Amino acid sequence: RFSLPMLPDASKDFTPMIVALSIIAIVYGAYMALAQADLKKLIAYSSVSHMGFVTLGLFMFNQQGIEGAVMQMVNHGITTGGLFLCVGVIYERTHSRQIADNVGLTKPMPQYATLLVIFSLSSLGLPGTNSFVGEFLILVGTFLWSKIAAALASIGIILAAAYMLWMVQRVAFGVPSPHQLPKLTDLNRREMATLIPLVVLVFWIGLFPNPILSRMHASVSNVVARATHGPQESPTSTGQITPVIEPVPAAQTVQSTEAPRP
């Protein structure tokens, strides 16, 4: 919000470093999520990976990258918020966040398992869900900047599918021991009222992203133009770039209008 329009030259100079750190965050967060046995820690490290995509898109200095980064920030709040709520729901019942202690929830809690699968598929960027829109635009913008950077960032999407599907396979569809889980109750009305609106947003943004993208076209074009052409030019509402006319100081105006003295 501030560094790109206010410090465009410095942002361009630091772009390779920011891109490298973003790719490291994407891959590191995904690898750490793969190693987690705690549901909350797994989702937390997936957030690190998602934020790497955000910074990657912001420093591409093109329409696709910045719009994708803004979409990814919105989608991250929806999807990751839903996943953390799901962890809180199951912790309230089993008093454990360990994956090994929460296996095979589809049978005792079918509604909960369905919502958990939806949020997990959104987190890994399944087409038709909200996260796919942001990640796709970020990768397109990154591809326009560097094909190698786009290929390295794509590793995070592959790893996201690995750790999310592994978690879903255990928690939702695993086979628990007869004595492993207590008698569980499915989602109550309060929990459904909290999670269902997030599910609606997951599919609404994933299937109809244009209402949101169209609203940010003008502002993103403004940011890209200022970062690319500098503060001496400003974009018009039609997307064209026109020079900014600087006012003439009043002293010079008065001096130029005075008649020459004899």
C-alpha atoms as a PDB file:
ATOM      1  CA  ARG A   1       0.000   0.000   0.000  1.00  0.00           C
ATOM      2  CA  PHE A   2       2.807   2.434   0.823  1.00  0.00           C
ATOM      3  CA  SER A   3       6.138   1.161  -0.494  1.00  0.00           C
ATOM      4  CA  LEU A   4       5.100   0.654  -4.129  1.00  0.00           C
ATOM      5  CA  PRO A   5       3.562   4.108  -4.824  1.00  0.00           C
ATOM      6  CA  MET A   6       5.780   6.113  -2.445  1.00  0.00           C
ATOM      7  CA  LEU A   7       9.113   4.353  -3.051  1.00  0.00           C
ATOM      8  CA  PRO A   8       8.863   2.869  -6.558  1.00  0.00           C
ATOM      9  CA  ASP A   9      12.582   2.982  -7.355  1.00  0.00           C
ATOM     10  CA  ALA A  10      13.588   1.353  -4.069  1.00  0.00           C
ATOM     11  CA  SER A  11      10.876  -1.275  -4.496  1.00  0.00           C
ATOM     12  CA  LYS A  12      12.210  -2.142  -7.952  1.00  0.00           C
ATOM     13  CA  ASP A  13      15.766  -2.378  -6.633  1.00  0.00           C
ATOM     14  CA  PHE A  14      14.704  -4.790  -3.890  1.00  0.00           C
ATOM     15  CA  THR A  15      12.369  -6.844  -6.107  1.00  0.00           C
ATOM     16  CA  PRO A  16      14.829  -9.755  -6.676  1.00  0.00           C
ATOM     17  CA  MET A  17      15.425 -10.026  -2.922  1.00  0.00           C
ATOM     18  CA  ILE A  18      11.710  -9.901  -2.092  1.00  0.00           C
ATOM     19  CA  VAL A  19      10.952 -12.502  -4.772  1.00  0.00           C
ATOM     20  CA  ALA A  20      13.636 -14.815  -3.372  1.00  0.00           C
ATOM     21  CA  LEU A  21      12.342 -14.412   0.195  1.00  0.00           C
ATOM     22  CA  SER A  22       8.762 -14.975  -0.982  1.00  0.00           C
ATOM     23  CA  ILE A  23       9.656 -18.236  -2.725  1.00  0.00           C
ATOM     24  CA  ILE A  24      11.580 -19.353   0.363  1.00  0.00           C
ATOM     25  CA  ALA A  25       8.520 -18.598   2.526  1.00  0.00           C
ATOM     26  CA  ILE A  26       6.248 -20.511   0.126  1.00  0.00           C
ATOM     27  CA  VAL A  27       8.400 -23.640   0.056  1.00  0.00           C
ATOM     28  CA  TYR A  28       9.554 -23.490   3.696  1.00  0.00           C
ATOM     29  CA  GLY A  29       6.027 -23.029   5.034  1.00  0.00           C
ATOM     30  CA  ALA A  30       4.764 -25.919   2.917  1.00  0.00           C
ATOM     31  CA  TYR A  31       7.575 -28.258   3.989  1.00  0.00           C
ATOM     32  CA  MET A  32       7.043 -27.400   7.660  1.00  0.00           C
ATOM     33  CA  ALA A  33       3.307 -28.028   7.287  1.00  0.00           C
ATOM     34  CA  LEU A  34       4.094 -31.488   5.909  1.00  0.00           C
ATOM     35  CA  ALA A  35       5.946 -32.357   9.107  1.00  0.00           C
ATOM     36  CA  GLN A  36       3.243 -31.268  11.559  1.00  0.00           C
ATOM     37  CA  ALA A  37       1.169 -33.649  13.649  1.00  0.00           C
ATOM     38  CA  ASP A  38      -0.787 -30.776  15.232  1.00  0.00           C
ATOM     39  CA  LEU A  39      -3.741 -29.414  13.256  1.00  0.00           C
ATOM     40  CA  LYS A  40      -3.272 -25.847  14.442  1.00  0.00           C
ATOM     41  CA  LYS A  41       0.438 -25.795  13.602  1.00  0.00           C
ATOM     42  CA  LEU A  42      -0.236 -27.297  10.177  1.00  0.00           C
ATOM     43  CA  ILE A  43      -2.659 -24.500   9.329  1.00  0.00           C
ATOM     44  CA  ALA A  44      -0.305 -21.881  10.787  1.00  0.00           C
ATOM     45  CA  TYR A  45       2.575 -22.988   8.550  1.00  0.00           C
ATOM     46  CA  SER A  46       0.232 -23.083   5.568  1.00  0.00           C
ATOM     47  CA  SER A  47      -0.482 -19.416   6.322  1.00  0.00           C
ATOM     48  CA  VAL A  48       3.241 -18.679   6.024  1.00  0.00           C
ATOM     49  CA  SER A  49       3.192 -20.269   2.583  1.00  0.00           C
ATOM     50  CA  HIS A  50       0.112 -18.290   1.530  1.00  0.00           C
ATOM     51  CA  MET A  51       1.626 -14.997   2.667  1.00  0.00           C
ATOM     52  CA  GLY A  52       4.656 -15.795   0.537  1.00  0.00           C
ATOM     53  CA  PHE A  53       2.340 -15.792  -2.473  1.00  0.00           C
ATOM     54  CA  VAL A  54       0.988 -12.389  -1.413  1.00  0.00           C
ATOM     55  CA  THR A  55       4.392 -10.688  -1.257  1.00  0.00           C
ATOM     56  CA  LEU A  56       5.414 -12.418  -4.483  1.00  0.00           C
ATOM     57  CA  GLY A  57       2.443 -10.990  -6.358  1.00  0.00           C
ATOM     58  CA  LEU A  58       2.797  -7.489  -4.919  1.00  0.00           C
ATOM     59  CA  PHE A  59       6.346  -7.070  -6.215  1.00  0.00           C
ATOM     60  CA  MET A  60       5.646  -8.223  -9.770  1.00  0.00           C
ATOM     61  CA  PHE A  61       4.660  -4.659 -10.746  1.00  0.00           C
ATOM     62  CA  ASN A  62       1.958  -5.858 -13.128  1.00  0.00           C
ATOM     63  CA  GLN A  63      -1.832  -5.953 -13.069  1.00  0.00           C
ATOM     64  CA  GLN A  64      -2.142  -9.711 -12.656  1.00  0.00           C
ATOM     65  CA  GLY A  65       0.324 -10.020  -9.791  1.00  0.00           C
ATOM     66  CA  ILE A  66      -1.043  -7.197  -7.641  1.00  0.00           C
ATOM     67  CA  GLU A  67      -4.692  -8.116  -8.207  1.00  0.00           C
ATOM     68  CA  GLY A  68      -3.871 -11.725  -7.367  1.00  0.00           C
ATOM     69  CA  ALA A  69      -2.095 -10.637  -4.178  1.00  0.00           C
ATOM     70  CA  VAL A  70      -5.100  -8.593  -3.045  1.00  0.00           C
ATOM     71  CA  MET A  71      -7.430 -11.496  -3.819  1.00  0.00           C
ATOM     72  CA  GLN A  72      -5.127 -13.883  -1.975  1.00  0.00           C
ATOM     73  CA  MET A  73      -5.224 -11.719   1.151  1.00  0.00           C
ATOM     74  CA  VAL A  74      -9.021 -11.745   1.124  1.00  0.00           C
ATOM     75  CA  ASN A  75      -9.196 -15.463   0.381  1.00  0.00           C
ATOM     76  CA  HIS A  76      -6.633 -16.289   3.039  1.00  0.00           C
ATOM     77  CA  GLY A  77      -8.790 -14.630   5.669  1.00  0.00           C
ATOM     78  CA  ILE A  78     -11.819 -16.644   4.565  1.00  0.00           C
ATOM     79  CA  THR A  79     -10.206 -20.052   4.101  1.00  0.00           C
ATOM     80  CA  THR A  80      -7.682 -20.031   6.929  1.00  0.00           C
ATOM     81  CA  GLY A  81     -10.246 -18.510   9.259  1.00  0.00           C
ATOM     82  CA  GLY A  82     -12.597 -21.377   8.431  1.00  0.00           C
ATOM     83  CA  LEU A  83      -9.864 -23.943   9.048  1.00  0.00           C
ATOM     84  CA  PHE A  84      -8.959 -22.450  12.425  1.00  0.00           C
ATOM     85  CA  LEU A  85     -12.642 -22.476  13.388  1.00  0.00           C
ATOM     86  CA  CYS A  86     -12.807 -26.158  12.418  1.00  0.00           C
ATOM     87  CA  VAL A  87      -9.813 -26.870  14.652  1.00  0.00           C
ATOM     88  CA  GLY A  88     -11.517 -25.036  17.512  1.00  0.00           C
ATOM     89  CA  VAL A  89     -14.703 -27.054  17.010  1.00  0.00           C
ATOM     90  CA  ILE A  90     -12.960 -30.409  17.274  1.00  0.00           C
ATOM     91  CA  TYR A  91     -10.718 -29.256  20.147  1.00  0.00           C
ATOM     92  CA  GLU A  92     -13.842 -28.330  22.104  1.00  0.00           C
ATOM     93  CA  ARG A  93     -14.999 -31.948  21.818  1.00  0.00           C
ATOM     94  CA  THR A  94     -11.823 -34.032  22.058  1.00  0.00           C
ATOM     95  CA  HIS A  95      -9.530 -31.562  23.912  1.00  0.00           C
ATOM     96  CA  SER A  96      -6.732 -32.418  21.498  1.00  0.00           C
ATOM     97  CA  ARG A  97      -5.365 -30.859  18.328  1.00  0.00           C
ATOM     98  CA  GLN A  98      -3.252 -33.875  17.397  1.00  0.00           C
ATOM     99  CA  ILE A  99      -4.152 -35.465  14.071  1.00  0.00           C
ATOM    100  CA  ALA A 100      -3.652 -38.921  15.573  1.00  0.00           C
ATOM    101  CA  ASP A 101      -6.313 -38.184  18.210  1.00  0.00           C
ATOM    102  CA  ASN A 102      -8.908 -36.969  15.685  1.00  0.00           C
ATOM    103  CA  VAL A 103      -9.202 -39.709  13.081  1.00  0.00           C
ATOM    104  CA  GLY A 104     -12.254 -40.793  11.100  1.00  0.00           C
ATOM    105  CA  LEU A 105     -14.663 -37.961  11.875  1.00  0.00           C
ATOM    106  CA  THR A 106     -16.881 -38.531   8.832  1.00  0.00           C
ATOM    107  CA  LYS A 107     -19.096 -41.078  10.581  1.00  0.00           C
ATOM    108  CA  PRO A 108     -19.747 -39.315  13.920  1.00  0.00           C
ATOM    109  CA  MET A 109     -19.604 -35.758  12.471  1.00  0.00           C
ATOM    110  CA  PRO A 110     -20.575 -35.782   8.766  1.00  0.00           C
ATOM    111  CA  GLN A 111     -21.428 -32.074   8.580  1.00  0.00           C
ATOM    112  CA  TYR A 112     -18.151 -31.105  10.211  1.00  0.00           C
ATOM    113  CA  ALA A 113     -16.168 -33.402   7.933  1.00  0.00           C
ATOM    114  CA  THR A 114     -17.849 -31.927   4.847  1.00  0.00           C
ATOM    115  CA  LEU A 115     -16.961 -28.362   5.803  1.00  0.00           C
ATOM    116  CA  LEU A 116     -13.412 -29.379   6.735  1.00  0.00           C
ATOM    117  CA  VAL A 117     -12.936 -30.946   3.295  1.00  0.00           C
ATOM    118  CA  ILE A 118     -14.288 -27.815   1.569  1.00  0.00           C
ATOM    119  CA  PHE A 119     -11.947 -25.469   3.441  1.00  0.00           C
ATOM    120  CA  SER A 120      -9.007 -27.817   2.860  1.00  0.00           C
ATOM    121  CA  LEU A 121      -9.659 -27.993  -0.889  1.00  0.00           C
ATOM    122  CA  SER A 122      -9.911 -24.217  -0.958  1.00  0.00           C
ATOM    123  CA  SER A 123      -6.597 -23.903   0.879  1.00  0.00           C
ATOM    124  CA  LEU A 124      -4.779 -26.044  -1.687  1.00  0.00           C
ATOM    125  CA  GLY A 125      -6.206 -23.949  -4.534  1.00  0.00           C
ATOM    126  CA  LEU A 126      -8.753 -26.252  -6.149  1.00  0.00           C
ATOM    127  CA  PRO A 127     -10.352 -24.657  -9.252  1.00  0.00           C
ATOM    128  CA  GLY A 128     -13.817 -23.403  -8.404  1.00  0.00           C
ATOM    129  CA  THR A 129     -12.794 -22.228  -4.948  1.00  0.00           C
ATOM    130  CA  ASN A 130     -11.673 -18.765  -3.906  1.00  0.00           C
ATOM    131  CA  SER A 131      -7.957 -19.464  -3.399  1.00  0.00           C
ATOM    132  CA  PHE A 132      -7.546 -20.659  -6.974  1.00  0.00           C
ATOM    133  CA  VAL A 133      -8.325 -17.183  -8.332  1.00  0.00           C
ATOM    134  CA  GLY A 134      -5.654 -15.398  -6.310  1.00  0.00           C
ATOM    135  CA  GLU A 135      -2.934 -18.010  -6.762  1.00  0.00           C
ATOM    136  CA  PHE A 136      -3.589 -18.295 -10.498  1.00  0.00           C
ATOM    137  CA  LEU A 137      -3.293 -14.533 -11.023  1.00  0.00           C
ATOM    138  CA  ILE A 138      -0.119 -14.414  -8.924  1.00  0.00           C
ATOM    139  CA  LEU A 139       1.466 -17.205 -10.952  1.00  0.00           C
ATOM    140  CA  VAL A 140       0.481 -15.493 -14.221  1.00  0.00           C
ATOM    141  CA  GLY A 141       2.065 -12.241 -13.044  1.00  0.00           C
ATOM    142  CA  THR A 142       5.158 -14.108 -11.854  1.00  0.00           C
ATOM    143  CA  PHE A 143       5.419 -15.960 -15.175  1.00  0.00           C
ATOM    144  CA  LEU A 144       5.443 -12.620 -17.003  1.00  0.00           C
ATOM    145  CA  TRP A 145       8.322 -11.495 -14.775  1.00  0.00           C
ATOM    146  CA  SER A 146      10.328 -14.738 -14.659  1.00  0.00           C
ATOM    147  CA  LYS A 147       9.468 -18.253 -15.768  1.00  0.00           C
ATOM    148  CA  ILE A 148      11.952 -19.730 -13.278  1.00  0.00           C
ATOM    149  CA  ALA A 149      10.379 -17.866 -10.350  1.00  0.00           C
ATOM    150  CA  ALA A 150       6.926 -19.056 -11.414  1.00  0.00           C
ATOM    151  CA  ALA A 151       8.141 -22.662 -11.582  1.00  0.00           C
ATOM    152  CA  LEU A 152       9.705 -22.449  -8.112  1.00  0.00           C
ATOM    153  CA  ALA A 153       6.565 -20.873  -6.642  1.00  0.00           C
ATOM    154  CA  SER A 154       4.474 -23.678  -8.139  1.00  0.00           C
ATOM    155  CA  ILE A 155       6.270 -26.109  -5.828  1.00  0.00           C
ATOM    156  CA  GLY A 156       4.302 -24.586  -2.954  1.00  0.00           C
ATOM    157  CA  ILE A 157       0.998 -25.485  -4.624  1.00  0.00           C
ATOM    158  CA  ILE A 158       2.116 -29.093  -5.105  1.00  0.00           C
ATOM    159  CA  LEU A 159       3.212 -29.343  -1.474  1.00  0.00           C
ATOM    160  CA  ALA A 160      -0.054 -27.717  -0.329  1.00  0.00           C
ATOM    161  CA  ALA A 161      -1.974 -30.501  -2.034  1.00  0.00           C
ATOM    162  CA  ALA A 162       0.261 -33.034  -0.275  1.00  0.00           C
ATOM    163  CA  TYR A 163      -0.137 -31.795   3.306  1.00  0.00           C
ATOM    164  CA  MET A 164      -3.812 -30.838   3.017  1.00  0.00           C
ATOM    165  CA  LEU A 165      -4.926 -34.088   1.387  1.00  0.00           C
ATOM    166  CA  TRP A 166      -2.866 -36.067   3.904  1.00  0.00           C
ATOM    167  CA  MET A 167      -4.588 -34.237   6.760  1.00  0.00           C
ATOM    168  CA  VAL A 168      -8.061 -34.731   5.236  1.00  0.00           C
ATOM    169  CA  GLN A 169      -7.392 -38.419   4.609  1.00  0.00           C
ATOM    170  CA  ARG A 170      -6.515 -38.944   8.269  1.00  0.00           C
ATOM    171  CA  VAL A 171      -9.002 -36.663  10.013  1.00  0.00           C
ATOM    172  CA  ALA A 172     -12.057 -37.170   7.822  1.00  0.00           C
ATOM    173  CA  PHE A 173     -11.642 -40.620   6.270  1.00  0.00           C
ATOM    174  CA  GLY A 174      -9.250 -42.463   8.566  1.00  0.00           C
ATOM    175  CA  VAL A 175     -10.194 -45.550  10.564  1.00  0.00           C
ATOM    176  CA  PRO A 176     -10.096 -44.798  14.304  1.00  0.00           C
ATOM    177  CA  SER A 177      -9.550 -47.333  17.032  1.00  0.00           C
ATOM    178  CA  PRO A 178     -12.734 -48.370  18.889  1.00  0.00           C
ATOM    179  CA  HIS A 179     -11.555 -46.651  22.061  1.00  0.00           C
ATOM    180  CA  GLN A 180      -9.852 -43.694  20.396  1.00  0.00           C
ATOM    181  CA  LEU A 181     -12.661 -41.153  20.107  1.00  0.00           C
ATOM    182  CA  PRO A 182     -15.350 -40.309  22.650  1.00  0.00           C
ATOM    183  CA  LYS A 183     -18.954 -40.029  21.588  1.00  0.00           C
ATOM    184  CA  LEU A 184     -18.973 -36.927  19.406  1.00  0.00           C
ATOM    185  CA  THR A 185     -21.822 -34.616  18.447  1.00  0.00           C
ATOM    186  CA  ASP A 186     -21.990 -32.877  15.096  1.00  0.00           C
ATOM    187  CA  LEU A 187     -22.075 -29.113  14.558  1.00  0.00           C
ATOM    188  CA  ASN A 188     -24.676 -27.160  16.486  1.00  0.00           C
ATOM    189  CA  ARG A 189     -26.610 -24.174  15.147  1.00  0.00           C
ATOM    190  CA  ARG A 190     -24.129 -21.611  16.407  1.00  0.00           C
ATOM    191  CA  GLU A 191     -21.217 -23.376  14.738  1.00  0.00           C
ATOM    192  CA  MET A 192     -23.142 -23.846  11.501  1.00  0.00           C
ATOM    193  CA  ALA A 193     -24.099 -20.159  11.481  1.00  0.00           C
ATOM    194  CA  THR A 194     -20.407 -19.290  11.795  1.00  0.00           C
ATOM    195  CA  LEU A 195     -19.034 -21.657   9.142  1.00  0.00           C
ATOM    196  CA  ILE A 196     -21.733 -21.686   6.446  1.00  0.00           C
ATOM    197  CA  PRO A 197     -21.238 -18.019   5.406  1.00  0.00           C
ATOM    198  CA  LEU A 198     -17.531 -18.719   4.902  1.00  0.00           C
ATOM    199  CA  VAL A 199     -18.353 -21.724   2.710  1.00  0.00           C
ATOM    200  CA  VAL A 200     -20.671 -19.545   0.625  1.00  0.00           C
ATOM    201  CA  LEU A 201     -17.847 -17.034   0.127  1.00  0.00           C
ATOM    202  CA  VAL A 202     -15.449 -19.826  -0.859  1.00  0.00           C
ATOM    203  CA  PHE A 203     -17.629 -20.844  -3.794  1.00  0.00           C
ATOM    204  CA  TRP A 204     -18.993 -17.393  -4.642  1.00  0.00           C
ATOM    205  CA  ILE A 205     -15.532 -15.841  -5.065  1.00  0.00           C
ATOM    206  CA  GLY A 206     -14.227 -18.974  -6.765  1.00  0.00           C
ATOM    207  CA  LEU A 207     -17.019 -19.087  -9.355  1.00  0.00           C
ATOM    208  CA  PHE A 208     -17.771 -15.363  -9.743  1.00  0.00           C
ATOM    209  CA  PRO A 209     -14.578 -13.368  -9.060  1.00  0.00           C
ATOM    210  CA  ASN A 210     -15.292 -10.583 -11.577  1.00  0.00           C
ATOM    211  CA  PRO A 211     -17.413  -8.394  -9.248  1.00  0.00           C
ATOM    212  CA  ILE A 212     -14.406  -8.099  -6.920  1.00  0.00           C
ATOM    213  CA  LEU A 213     -11.720  -7.914  -9.610  1.00  0.00           C
ATOM    214  CA  SER A 214     -13.542  -5.229 -11.579  1.00  0.00           C
ATOM    215  CA  ARG A 215     -13.713  -2.995  -8.516  1.00  0.00           C
ATOM    216  CA  MET A 216      -9.946  -3.062  -8.036  1.00  0.00           C
ATOM    217  CA  HIS A 217      -8.917  -2.551 -11.696  1.00  0.00           C
ATOM    218  CA  ALA A 218      -8.695   1.239 -11.466  1.00  0.00           C
ATOM    219  CA  SER A 219      -6.820   1.383  -8.163  1.00  0.00           C
ATOM    220  CA  VAL A 220      -4.386  -1.363  -9.166  1.00  0.00           C
ATOM    221  CA  SER A 221      -3.768   0.358 -12.512  1.00  0.00           C
ATOM    222  CA  ASN A 222      -2.998   3.522 -10.562  1.00  0.00           C
ATOM    223  CA  VAL A 223      -0.482   1.718  -8.354  1.00  0.00           C
ATOM    224  CA  VAL A 224       1.175  -0.013 -11.317  1.00  0.00           C
ATOM    225  CA  ALA A 225       1.426   3.243 -13.268  1.00  0.00           C
ATOM    226  CA  ARG A 226       2.948   5.168 -10.363  1.00  0.00           C
ATOM    227  CA  ALA A 227       5.391   2.362  -9.594  1.00  0.00           C
ATOM    228  CA  THR A 228       6.352   1.962 -13.249  1.00  0.00           C
ATOM    229  CA  HIS A 229       6.403   5.566 -14.509  1.00  0.00           C
ATOM    230  CA  GLY A 230       7.199   7.432 -11.305  1.00  0.00           C
ATOM    231  CA  PRO A 231       5.411  10.264  -9.483  1.00  0.00           C
ATOM    232  CA  GLN A 232       5.660  12.693 -12.421  1.00  0.00           C
ATOM    233  CA  GLU A 233       2.845  10.898 -14.244  1.00  0.00           C
ATOM    234  CA  SER A 234      -0.605   9.887 -13.104  1.00  0.00           C
ATOM    235  CA  PRO A 235      -3.162   7.593 -14.742  1.00  0.00           C
ATOM    236  CA  THR A 236      -6.495   8.951 -15.846  1.00  0.00           C
ATOM    237  CA  SER A 237      -9.770   7.170 -15.313  1.00  0.00           C
ATOM    238  CA  THR A 238      -9.495   5.692 -18.822  1.00  0.00           C
ATOM    239  CA  GLY A 239      -6.189   4.003 -18.027  1.00  0.00           C
ATOM    240  CA  GLN A 240      -4.042   6.417 -20.099  1.00  0.00           C
ATOM    241  CA  ILE A 241      -1.014   8.143 -18.649  1.00  0.00           C
ATOM    242  CA  THR A 242      -0.880  11.921 -18.735  1.00  0.00           C
ATOM    243  CA  PRO A 243       1.868  14.171 -17.374  1.00  0.00           C
ATOM    244  CA  VAL A 244       1.160  16.075 -14.208  1.00  0.00           C
ATOM    245  CA  ILE A 245       1.299  19.863 -14.841  1.00  0.00           C
ATOM    246  CA  GLU A 246       3.325  21.517 -12.115  1.00  0.00           C
ATOM    247  CA  PRO A 247       2.081  24.955 -10.954  1.00  0.00           C
ATOM    248  CA  VAL A 248       4.276  27.967 -11.631  1.00  0.00           C
ATOM    249  CA  PRO A 249       5.394  29.770  -8.453  1.00  0.00           C
ATOM    250  CA  ALA A 250       3.554  33.015  -7.784  1.00  0.00           C
ATOM    251  CA  ALA A 251       6.755  35.059  -7.583  1.00  0.00           C
ATOM    252  CA  GLN A 252       7.763  34.088 -11.105  1.00  0.00           C
ATOM    253  CA  THR A 253       4.288  34.946 -12.405  1.00  0.00           C
ATOM    254  CA  VAL A 254       4.358  38.419 -10.883  1.00  0.00           C
ATOM    255  CA  GLN A 255       7.871  39.064 -12.121  1.00  0.00           C
ATOM    256  CA  SER A 256       7.011  38.028 -15.676  1.00  0.00           C
ATOM    257  CA  THR A 257       4.005  40.366 -15.819  1.00  0.00           C
ATOM    258  CA  GLU A 258       5.851  43.455 -14.589  1.00  0.00           C
ATOM    259  CA  ALA A 259       6.739  46.032 -17.251  1.00  0.00           C
ATOM    260  CA  PRO A 260      10.457  46.663 -17.785  1.00  0.00           C
ATOM    261  CA  ARG A 261      11.754  49.705 -15.932  1.00  0.00           C
ATOM    262  CA  PRO A 262      13.485  52.482 -17.911  1.00  0.00           C
END
